[in-house]
């Protein structure tokens, strides 16, 4: 898949290298051409010099063919503007923005763009929001059999009760992150746009859960 990253600082370069190692195609955008040296000699992806929310720059990075977009520059306003352009102009579903001011996170979450405040930032967190599968579990029990993992959910599941998700995946919804806050679901809780879903599931069933939630909800009587 093709990924576009705005910002080639320490985090952006780390993301780009990790995605390339996983076999993906990557384009990195930065205003400072010298910042690309952080990518190293082995990086074979595209380097695009320019402003990450400028359409010509984004199209030079092949935003139209992108599976996901990450805005990880040093500026909150630039990151959220670029993320909104990627989501609203180019229809990129998997978008995440790095935010230095955690007080702004709730506002941006209401725009449907997952954000990560700097104090919580790790490259694993951003990868879990960009990649459809293969992310790192957030918790593993001592036996190694049960994991709690954040699982990407296709937009077609918006409006479905979490009990429907549990029935289709055979997993237990551990909790949701909504507008930057964790919440324990009730029986009538409905999955909303922008929610982050965390499930408890046997490790060897995680791939099945990801495949089910990466597609449309099954019709009644259909095997997920």
C-alpha atoms as a PDB file:
ATOM      1  CA  UNK A   1       0.000   0.000   0.000  1.00  0.00           C
ATOM      2  CA  UNK A   2       0.989   3.639  -0.435  1.00  0.00           C
ATOM      3  CA  UNK A   3       1.437   5.924   2.591  1.00  0.00           C
ATOM      4  CA  UNK A   4       2.055   9.676   2.701  1.00  0.00           C
ATOM      5  CA  UNK A   5       3.803  11.226   5.719  1.00  0.00           C
ATOM      6  CA  UNK A   6       4.039  14.984   6.294  1.00  0.00           C
ATOM      7  CA  UNK A   7       7.039  15.868   8.428  1.00  0.00           C
ATOM      8  CA  UNK A   8      10.496  14.303   8.337  1.00  0.00           C
ATOM      9  CA  UNK A   9      11.559  14.855  11.904  1.00  0.00           C
ATOM     10  CA  UNK A  10      12.506  11.999  14.210  1.00  0.00           C
ATOM     11  CA  UNK A  11       8.979  10.540  14.302  1.00  0.00           C
ATOM     12  CA  UNK A  12       8.220  10.998  10.615  1.00  0.00           C
ATOM     13  CA  UNK A  13      11.496   9.406   9.552  1.00  0.00           C
ATOM     14  CA  UNK A  14      10.962   6.507  11.969  1.00  0.00           C
ATOM     15  CA  UNK A  15       7.468   5.899  10.576  1.00  0.00           C
ATOM     16  CA  UNK A  16       8.686   6.033   6.991  1.00  0.00           C
ATOM     17  CA  UNK A  17      11.447   3.490   7.630  1.00  0.00           C
ATOM     18  CA  UNK A  18       9.091   1.171   9.552  1.00  0.00           C
ATOM     19  CA  UNK A  19       6.492   1.242   6.784  1.00  0.00           C
ATOM     20  CA  UNK A  20       9.109   0.595   4.112  1.00  0.00           C
ATOM     21  CA  UNK A  21      10.509  -2.345   6.110  1.00  0.00           C
ATOM     22  CA  UNK A  22       6.964  -3.754   6.179  1.00  0.00           C
ATOM     23  CA  UNK A  23       6.935  -3.704   2.371  1.00  0.00           C
ATOM     24  CA  UNK A  24       4.863  -0.560   1.777  1.00  0.00           C
ATOM     25  CA  UNK A  25       5.441   2.343  -0.603  1.00  0.00           C
ATOM     26  CA  UNK A  26       6.078   5.635   1.229  1.00  0.00           C
ATOM     27  CA  UNK A  27       6.247   9.320   0.269  1.00  0.00           C
ATOM     28  CA  UNK A  28       7.586  11.856   2.781  1.00  0.00           C
ATOM     29  CA  UNK A  29       6.834  15.583   2.626  1.00  0.00           C
ATOM     30  CA  UNK A  30       8.867  18.301   4.351  1.00  0.00           C
ATOM     31  CA  UNK A  31       9.564  21.989   3.739  1.00  0.00           C
ATOM     32  CA  UNK A  32      13.234  21.539   4.641  1.00  0.00           C
ATOM     33  CA  UNK A  33      15.003  19.428   2.041  1.00  0.00           C
ATOM     34  CA  UNK A  34      17.897  18.728   4.411  1.00  0.00           C
ATOM     35  CA  UNK A  35      15.534  16.922   6.812  1.00  0.00           C
ATOM     36  CA  UNK A  36      15.354  13.967   4.408  1.00  0.00           C
ATOM     37  CA  UNK A  37      18.825  12.910   5.548  1.00  0.00           C
ATOM     38  CA  UNK A  38      17.101  11.388   8.588  1.00  0.00           C
ATOM     39  CA  UNK A  39      15.617   8.743   6.277  1.00  0.00           C
ATOM     40  CA  UNK A  40      19.004   7.198   5.647  1.00  0.00           C
ATOM     41  CA  UNK A  41      20.584   5.818   2.503  1.00  0.00           C
ATOM     42  CA  UNK A  42      18.409   2.681   2.460  1.00  0.00           C
ATOM     43  CA  UNK A  43      15.130   4.603   2.120  1.00  0.00           C
ATOM     44  CA  UNK A  44      13.889   4.244  -1.460  1.00  0.00           C
ATOM     45  CA  UNK A  45      10.566   6.077  -1.152  1.00  0.00           C
ATOM     46  CA  UNK A  46       9.604   9.455  -2.537  1.00  0.00           C
ATOM     47  CA  UNK A  47      10.967  12.663  -0.996  1.00  0.00           C
ATOM     48  CA  UNK A  48       8.772  15.714  -1.716  1.00  0.00           C
ATOM     49  CA  UNK A  49       9.871  19.202  -0.713  1.00  0.00           C
ATOM     50  CA  UNK A  50       6.951  21.503   0.028  1.00  0.00           C
ATOM     51  CA  UNK A  51       4.100  22.430   2.355  1.00  0.00           C
ATOM     52  CA  UNK A  52       2.079  19.391   3.404  1.00  0.00           C
ATOM     53  CA  UNK A  53      -1.347  20.994   3.041  1.00  0.00           C
ATOM     54  CA  UNK A  54      -0.626  22.391  -0.453  1.00  0.00           C
ATOM     55  CA  UNK A  55      -2.502  20.413  -3.090  1.00  0.00           C
ATOM     56  CA  UNK A  56       0.342  20.423  -5.621  1.00  0.00           C
ATOM     57  CA  UNK A  57       2.705  19.091  -2.959  1.00  0.00           C
ATOM     58  CA  UNK A  58       0.240  16.410  -1.869  1.00  0.00           C
ATOM     59  CA  UNK A  59      -0.357  15.312  -5.451  1.00  0.00           C
ATOM     60  CA  UNK A  60       3.399  15.154  -6.061  1.00  0.00           C
ATOM     61  CA  UNK A  61       3.405  12.661  -3.164  1.00  0.00           C
ATOM     62  CA  UNK A  62       0.583  10.715  -4.911  1.00  0.00           C
ATOM     63  CA  UNK A  63      -2.027  11.485  -2.260  1.00  0.00           C
ATOM     64  CA  UNK A  64      -4.738  10.259  -4.646  1.00  0.00           C
ATOM     65  CA  UNK A  65      -3.268   6.766  -4.474  1.00  0.00           C
ATOM     66  CA  UNK A  66      -2.642   6.789  -0.728  1.00  0.00           C
ATOM     67  CA  UNK A  67      -4.131   4.294   1.702  1.00  0.00           C
ATOM     68  CA  UNK A  68      -3.291   6.503   4.695  1.00  0.00           C
ATOM     69  CA  UNK A  69      -1.868   9.914   5.622  1.00  0.00           C
ATOM     70  CA  UNK A  70       0.044  10.970   8.740  1.00  0.00           C
ATOM     71  CA  UNK A  71       0.714  14.608   9.650  1.00  0.00           C
ATOM     72  CA  UNK A  72       3.655  14.634  12.072  1.00  0.00           C
ATOM     73  CA  UNK A  73       5.341  17.998  11.523  1.00  0.00           C
ATOM     74  CA  UNK A  74       6.282  20.316  14.382  1.00  0.00           C
ATOM     75  CA  UNK A  75       3.193  22.539  13.977  1.00  0.00           C
ATOM     76  CA  UNK A  76      -0.291  21.721  15.331  1.00  0.00           C
ATOM     77  CA  UNK A  77      -2.072  24.006  12.861  1.00  0.00           C
ATOM     78  CA  UNK A  78      -0.179  22.635   9.871  1.00  0.00           C
ATOM     79  CA  UNK A  79      -0.832  19.060  10.961  1.00  0.00           C
ATOM     80  CA  UNK A  80      -4.556  19.454  11.441  1.00  0.00           C
ATOM     81  CA  UNK A  81      -4.963  21.479   8.231  1.00  0.00           C
ATOM     82  CA  UNK A  82      -3.069  18.886   6.206  1.00  0.00           C
ATOM     83  CA  UNK A  83      -5.050  16.064   7.815  1.00  0.00           C
ATOM     84  CA  UNK A  84      -8.329  17.792   6.972  1.00  0.00           C
ATOM     85  CA  UNK A  85      -7.265  18.330   3.348  1.00  0.00           C
ATOM     86  CA  UNK A  86      -6.305  14.649   3.058  1.00  0.00           C
ATOM     87  CA  UNK A  87      -9.628  13.538   4.574  1.00  0.00           C
ATOM     88  CA  UNK A  88     -12.049  16.076   3.082  1.00  0.00           C
ATOM     89  CA  UNK A  89     -10.501  16.851  -0.313  1.00  0.00           C
ATOM     90  CA  UNK A  90      -8.970  13.506  -1.224  1.00  0.00           C
ATOM     91  CA  UNK A  91     -11.208  11.160   0.758  1.00  0.00           C
ATOM     92  CA  UNK A  92      -8.379   9.410   2.622  1.00  0.00           C
ATOM     93  CA  UNK A  93     -10.095   7.352   5.329  1.00  0.00           C
ATOM     94  CA  UNK A  94      -7.032   6.527   7.449  1.00  0.00           C
ATOM     95  CA  UNK A  95      -5.666   9.847   8.694  1.00  0.00           C
ATOM     96  CA  UNK A  96      -3.894  10.772  11.923  1.00  0.00           C
ATOM     97  CA  UNK A  97      -2.407  14.038  13.181  1.00  0.00           C
ATOM     98  CA  UNK A  98       0.289  14.682  15.777  1.00  0.00           C
ATOM     99  CA  UNK A  99      -0.773  17.356  18.259  1.00  0.00           C
ATOM    100  CA  UNK A 100       1.531  19.140  20.711  1.00  0.00           C
ATOM    101  CA  UNK A 101      -1.307  20.759  22.685  1.00  0.00           C
ATOM    102  CA  UNK A 102      -3.387  17.939  24.270  1.00  0.00           C
ATOM    103  CA  UNK A 103      -6.093  20.490  25.092  1.00  0.00           C
ATOM    104  CA  UNK A 104      -6.901  20.723  21.386  1.00  0.00           C
ATOM    105  CA  UNK A 105      -7.257  16.976  20.912  1.00  0.00           C
ATOM    106  CA  UNK A 106     -10.992  16.835  21.692  1.00  0.00           C
ATOM    107  CA  UNK A 107     -11.746  19.545  19.129  1.00  0.00           C
ATOM    108  CA  UNK A 108      -9.874  17.696  16.418  1.00  0.00           C
ATOM    109  CA  UNK A 109     -11.419  14.349  17.391  1.00  0.00           C
ATOM    110  CA  UNK A 110     -14.835  15.940  16.753  1.00  0.00           C
ATOM    111  CA  UNK A 111     -13.670  16.538  13.187  1.00  0.00           C
ATOM    112  CA  UNK A 112     -13.230  12.776  12.852  1.00  0.00           C
ATOM    113  CA  UNK A 113      -9.428  12.884  12.767  1.00  0.00           C
ATOM    114  CA  UNK A 114      -7.621  10.721  15.353  1.00  0.00           C
ATOM    115  CA  UNK A 115      -4.955  12.717  17.145  1.00  0.00           C
ATOM    116  CA  UNK A 116      -2.068  11.775  19.389  1.00  0.00           C
ATOM    117  CA  UNK A 117      -0.662  14.296  21.880  1.00  0.00           C
ATOM    118  CA  UNK A 118       3.118  14.508  22.081  1.00  0.00           C
ATOM    119  CA  UNK A 119       3.183  13.353  25.693  1.00  0.00           C
ATOM    120  CA  UNK A 120       1.634  10.042  24.607  1.00  0.00           C
ATOM    121  CA  UNK A 121       3.439   9.722  21.315  1.00  0.00           C
ATOM    122  CA  UNK A 122       5.113   6.555  20.093  1.00  0.00           C
ATOM    123  CA  UNK A 123       5.586   5.286  16.546  1.00  0.00           C
ATOM    124  CA  UNK A 124       3.660   2.140  17.539  1.00  0.00           C
ATOM    125  CA  UNK A 125       0.584   4.277  18.268  1.00  0.00           C
ATOM    126  CA  UNK A 126       0.672   5.940  14.868  1.00  0.00           C
ATOM    127  CA  UNK A 127       1.220   2.617  13.090  1.00  0.00           C
ATOM    128  CA  UNK A 128      -1.825   1.150  14.857  1.00  0.00           C
ATOM    129  CA  UNK A 129      -3.920   3.978  13.414  1.00  0.00           C
ATOM    130  CA  UNK A 130      -2.529   3.714   9.891  1.00  0.00           C
ATOM    131  CA  UNK A 131      -2.086   0.003   9.251  1.00  0.00           C
ATOM    132  CA  UNK A 132      -5.139  -2.208   8.712  1.00  0.00           C
ATOM    133  CA  UNK A 133      -3.491  -5.217  10.352  1.00  0.00           C
ATOM    134  CA  UNK A 134      -0.334  -6.333  12.137  1.00  0.00           C
ATOM    135  CA  UNK A 135      -0.229  -3.740  14.898  1.00  0.00           C
ATOM    136  CA  UNK A 136       1.296  -4.323  18.334  1.00  0.00           C
ATOM    137  CA  UNK A 137      -1.153  -5.503  21.059  1.00  0.00           C
ATOM    138  CA  UNK A 138      -1.619  -3.007  23.891  1.00  0.00           C
ATOM    139  CA  UNK A 139      -1.746  -5.731  26.557  1.00  0.00           C
ATOM    140  CA  UNK A 140      -0.908  -9.421  26.743  1.00  0.00           C
ATOM    141  CA  UNK A 141      -1.813 -11.636  29.692  1.00  0.00           C
ATOM    142  CA  UNK A 142       1.018 -13.551  31.435  1.00  0.00           C
ATOM    143  CA  UNK A 143       0.263 -16.724  29.497  1.00  0.00           C
ATOM    144  CA  UNK A 144       0.571 -14.877  26.186  1.00  0.00           C
ATOM    145  CA  UNK A 145      -2.781 -16.257  25.045  1.00  0.00           C
ATOM    146  CA  UNK A 146      -5.079 -13.228  25.512  1.00  0.00           C
ATOM    147  CA  UNK A 147      -4.402  -9.770  24.083  1.00  0.00           C
ATOM    148  CA  UNK A 148      -6.106  -6.405  24.191  1.00  0.00           C
ATOM    149  CA  UNK A 149      -5.577  -4.673  20.864  1.00  0.00           C
ATOM    150  CA  UNK A 150      -6.807  -1.572  19.081  1.00  0.00           C
ATOM    151  CA  UNK A 151      -8.428  -2.783  15.868  1.00  0.00           C
ATOM    152  CA  UNK A 152      -9.177  -0.653  12.769  1.00  0.00           C
ATOM    153  CA  UNK A 153     -12.890  -0.574  11.885  1.00  0.00           C
ATOM    154  CA  UNK A 154     -14.361   0.034   8.427  1.00  0.00           C
ATOM    155  CA  UNK A 155     -16.596   3.103   8.196  1.00  0.00           C
ATOM    156  CA  UNK A 156     -19.555   0.863   7.296  1.00  0.00           C
ATOM    157  CA  UNK A 157     -19.726  -0.252  10.961  1.00  0.00           C
ATOM    158  CA  UNK A 158     -20.622   3.275  12.137  1.00  0.00           C
ATOM    159  CA  UNK A 159     -24.057   3.153  13.790  1.00  0.00           C
ATOM    160  CA  UNK A 160     -23.778  -0.547  14.723  1.00  0.00           C
ATOM    161  CA  UNK A 161     -24.150  -1.608  18.356  1.00  0.00           C
ATOM    162  CA  UNK A 162     -21.011  -2.971  19.952  1.00  0.00           C
ATOM    163  CA  UNK A 163     -22.936  -6.160  20.747  1.00  0.00           C
ATOM    164  CA  UNK A 164     -23.231  -6.665  16.969  1.00  0.00           C
ATOM    165  CA  UNK A 165     -19.474  -6.243  16.632  1.00  0.00           C
ATOM    166  CA  UNK A 166     -18.906  -8.809  19.395  1.00  0.00           C
ATOM    167  CA  UNK A 167     -21.295 -11.260  17.767  1.00  0.00           C
ATOM    168  CA  UNK A 168     -19.661 -10.917  14.341  1.00  0.00           C
ATOM    169  CA  UNK A 169     -16.057 -11.145  15.581  1.00  0.00           C
ATOM    170  CA  UNK A 170     -16.393 -13.470  18.610  1.00  0.00           C
ATOM    171  CA  UNK A 171     -14.271 -10.903  20.493  1.00  0.00           C
ATOM    172  CA  UNK A 172     -15.090  -8.874  23.620  1.00  0.00           C
ATOM    173  CA  UNK A 173     -15.041  -5.079  23.346  1.00  0.00           C
ATOM    174  CA  UNK A 174     -12.773  -4.048  26.237  1.00  0.00           C
ATOM    175  CA  UNK A 175     -13.247  -0.303  25.877  1.00  0.00           C
ATOM    176  CA  UNK A 176     -13.597   2.579  23.411  1.00  0.00           C
ATOM    177  CA  UNK A 177     -11.585   5.756  23.043  1.00  0.00           C
ATOM    178  CA  UNK A 178     -14.035   8.521  22.134  1.00  0.00           C
ATOM    179  CA  UNK A 179     -12.982  12.156  21.713  1.00  0.00           C
ATOM    180  CA  UNK A 180      -9.690  11.306  23.360  1.00  0.00           C
ATOM    181  CA  UNK A 181     -11.282   9.753  26.463  1.00  0.00           C
ATOM    182  CA  UNK A 182     -11.558   6.067  27.384  1.00  0.00           C
ATOM    183  CA  UNK A 183     -15.039   4.708  28.054  1.00  0.00           C
ATOM    184  CA  UNK A 184     -16.481   1.346  29.074  1.00  0.00           C
ATOM    185  CA  UNK A 185     -19.308   0.332  26.737  1.00  0.00           C
ATOM    186  CA  UNK A 186     -22.881  -0.422  27.788  1.00  0.00           C
ATOM    187  CA  UNK A 187     -25.141  -2.964  26.077  1.00  0.00           C
ATOM    188  CA  UNK A 188     -26.711  -0.248  23.911  1.00  0.00           C
ATOM    189  CA  UNK A 189     -23.454   1.594  23.063  1.00  0.00           C
ATOM    190  CA  UNK A 190     -23.175   2.333  19.330  1.00  0.00           C
ATOM    191  CA  UNK A 191     -19.916   2.603  17.408  1.00  0.00           C
ATOM    192  CA  UNK A 192     -19.438   6.207  16.241  1.00  0.00           C
ATOM    193  CA  UNK A 193     -17.225   7.828  13.630  1.00  0.00           C
ATOM    194  CA  UNK A 194     -13.836   8.617  15.160  1.00  0.00           C
ATOM    195  CA  UNK A 195     -14.097   5.966  17.900  1.00  0.00           C
ATOM    196  CA  UNK A 196     -11.044   3.788  18.542  1.00  0.00           C
ATOM    197  CA  UNK A 197     -12.067   0.203  19.285  1.00  0.00           C
ATOM    198  CA  UNK A 198     -10.062  -1.922  21.751  1.00  0.00           C
ATOM    199  CA  UNK A 199     -10.939  -5.617  21.890  1.00  0.00           C
ATOM    200  CA  UNK A 200      -9.966  -8.501  24.176  1.00  0.00           C
ATOM    201  CA  UNK A 201      -9.405 -11.646  22.132  1.00  0.00           C
ATOM    202  CA  UNK A 202      -7.284 -14.818  22.016  1.00  0.00           C
ATOM    203  CA  UNK A 203      -4.064 -13.952  20.182  1.00  0.00           C
ATOM    204  CA  UNK A 204      -4.648 -16.511  17.453  1.00  0.00           C
ATOM    205  CA  UNK A 205      -8.100 -14.996  16.744  1.00  0.00           C
ATOM    206  CA  UNK A 206      -6.848 -11.425  16.266  1.00  0.00           C
ATOM    207  CA  UNK A 207      -6.354 -11.834  12.515  1.00  0.00           C
ATOM    208  CA  UNK A 208      -9.957 -13.039  12.156  1.00  0.00           C
ATOM    209  CA  UNK A 209     -11.262 -10.027  14.112  1.00  0.00           C
ATOM    210  CA  UNK A 210      -9.248  -7.621  11.944  1.00  0.00           C
ATOM    211  CA  UNK A 211     -10.505  -9.207   8.717  1.00  0.00           C
ATOM    212  CA  UNK A 212     -14.162  -9.013   9.817  1.00  0.00           C
ATOM    213  CA  UNK A 213     -13.950  -5.380  10.934  1.00  0.00           C
ATOM    214  CA  UNK A 214     -11.979  -4.364   7.833  1.00  0.00           C
ATOM    215  CA  UNK A 215     -15.057  -5.211   5.742  1.00  0.00           C
ATOM    216  CA  UNK A 216     -18.768  -4.495   5.791  1.00  0.00           C
ATOM    217  CA  UNK A 217     -21.031  -5.871   8.541  1.00  0.00           C
ATOM    218  CA  UNK A 218     -22.312  -9.301   7.532  1.00  0.00           C
ATOM    219  CA  UNK A 219     -25.975  -9.589   6.636  1.00  0.00           C
ATOM    220  CA  UNK A 220     -28.228 -11.692   8.835  1.00  0.00           C
ATOM    221  CA  UNK A 221     -27.402 -15.373   8.411  1.00  0.00           C
ATOM    222  CA  UNK A 222     -24.118 -14.616   6.634  1.00  0.00           C
ATOM    223  CA  UNK A 223     -20.968 -16.165   8.082  1.00  0.00           C
ATOM    224  CA  UNK A 224     -18.382 -13.472   8.958  1.00  0.00           C
END
